[in-house]
């Protein structure tokens, strides 16, 4: 697992999922802007936490693929009532 810094996370994402680099960069810009405007490190901390989880998952390709499949299943069911939930 890389250090929990934007630079180390960027390097890890570049190696594991290069197609996600634009999303990481955009998220970092937004987090830095929000942190400056709000005068709090919270947005940057959330950025690091979010991308650390992403890297932790992507380090195990079979688990990452399973997670994406489960996300597709959930997305397909959105808008349909689950049979076990009361109406």
Protein backbone atom coordinates (compact mmCIF):
# COMPACT_ATOMS: atom_id res chain seq x y z
CA UNK A 1 0.00 0.00 0.00
CA UNK A 2 1.42 3.41 -0.89
CA UNK A 3 1.87 6.30 1.51
CA UNK A 4 -1.33 8.23 2.06
CA UNK A 5 -0.27 11.30 0.12
CA UNK A 6 -1.72 12.68 -3.12
CA UNK A 7 1.57 12.04 -4.96
CA UNK A 8 1.89 8.43 -3.80
CA UNK A 9 -1.76 7.71 -4.53
CA UNK A 10 -1.38 9.23 -8.00
CA UNK A 11 1.59 6.95 -8.69
CA UNK A 12 -0.40 3.93 -7.52
CA UNK A 13 -3.43 4.85 -9.64
CA UNK A 14 -1.16 5.46 -12.62
CA UNK A 15 0.17 1.91 -12.24
CA UNK A 16 -3.09 0.14 -11.34
CA UNK A 17 -5.77 2.00 -13.30
CA UNK A 18 -4.33 4.68 -15.58
CA UNK A 19 -7.75 5.43 -17.08
CA UNK A 20 -8.80 6.80 -13.65
CA UNK A 21 -6.05 9.47 -13.54
CA UNK A 22 -8.31 12.23 -14.89
CA UNK A 23 -10.86 11.49 -12.15
CA UNK A 24 -8.15 11.54 -9.48
CA UNK A 25 -6.78 14.84 -10.79
CA UNK A 26 -10.24 16.43 -10.93
CA UNK A 27 -11.05 15.20 -7.42
CA UNK A 28 -7.74 16.59 -6.10
CA UNK A 29 -8.35 20.00 -7.69
CA UNK A 30 -11.85 20.14 -6.22
CA UNK A 31 -10.62 19.00 -2.80
CA UNK A 32 -7.83 21.58 -2.73
CA UNK A 33 -10.19 24.35 -3.82
CA UNK A 34 -12.76 23.37 -1.21
CA UNK A 35 -10.09 23.11 1.48
CA UNK A 36 -8.85 26.61 0.70
CA UNK A 37 -12.31 28.11 0.57
CA UNK A 38 -13.50 26.44 3.76
CA UNK A 39 -10.12 26.81 5.49
CA UNK A 40 -10.16 23.19 6.59
CA UNK A 41 -8.15 20.12 5.58
CA UNK A 42 -11.30 17.95 5.60
CA UNK A 43 -11.77 17.90 1.78
CA UNK A 44 -8.16 16.80 1.28
CA UNK A 45 -8.50 14.18 3.98
CA UNK A 46 -11.62 12.86 2.24
CA UNK A 47 -9.73 12.80 -1.08
CA UNK A 48 -6.91 10.75 0.44
CA UNK A 49 -9.32 8.36 2.16
CA UNK A 50 -11.35 7.83 -0.99
CA UNK A 51 -8.38 7.14 -3.25
CA UNK A 52 -6.66 4.99 -0.63
CA UNK A 53 -9.72 2.71 -0.64
CA UNK A 54 -9.70 2.68 -4.45
CA UNK A 55 -6.02 1.66 -4.52
CA UNK A 56 -6.54 -0.96 -1.82
CA UNK A 57 -9.29 -2.55 -3.91
CA UNK A 58 -7.50 -2.28 -7.26
CA UNK A 59 -4.39 -3.98 -5.85
CA UNK A 60 -6.42 -7.22 -6.02
CA UNK A 61 -7.77 -7.42 -9.60
CA UNK A 62 -10.08 -10.39 -8.97
CA UNK A 63 -11.70 -8.62 -6.02
CA UNK A 64 -11.96 -5.38 -7.97
CA UNK A 65 -13.70 -7.20 -10.82
CA UNK A 66 -16.12 -8.83 -8.38
CA UNK A 67 -16.90 -5.48 -6.78
CA UNK A 68 -17.62 -3.93 -10.20
CA UNK A 69 -19.92 -6.86 -11.03
CA UNK A 70 -21.80 -6.44 -7.76
CA UNK A 71 -22.09 -2.69 -8.39
CA UNK A 72 -23.63 -3.44 -11.81
CA UNK A 73 -26.13 -5.79 -10.16
CA UNK A 74 -27.10 -3.12 -7.64
CA UNK A 75 -27.36 -0.44 -10.34
CA UNK A 76 -29.59 -2.70 -12.42
CA UNK A 77 -31.92 -3.12 -9.45
CA UNK A 78 -32.21 0.59 -8.63
CA UNK A 79 -35.77 1.74 -9.11
CA UNK A 80 -37.22 -1.72 -8.62
CA UNK A 81 -38.62 -2.59 -5.22
CA UNK A 82 -36.83 -5.47 -3.57
CA UNK A 83 -39.26 -8.33 -2.90
CA UNK A 84 -38.36 -8.48 0.78
CA UNK A 85 -39.03 -4.81 1.49
CA UNK A 86 -42.48 -3.60 2.49
CA UNK A 87 -44.10 -1.26 0.01
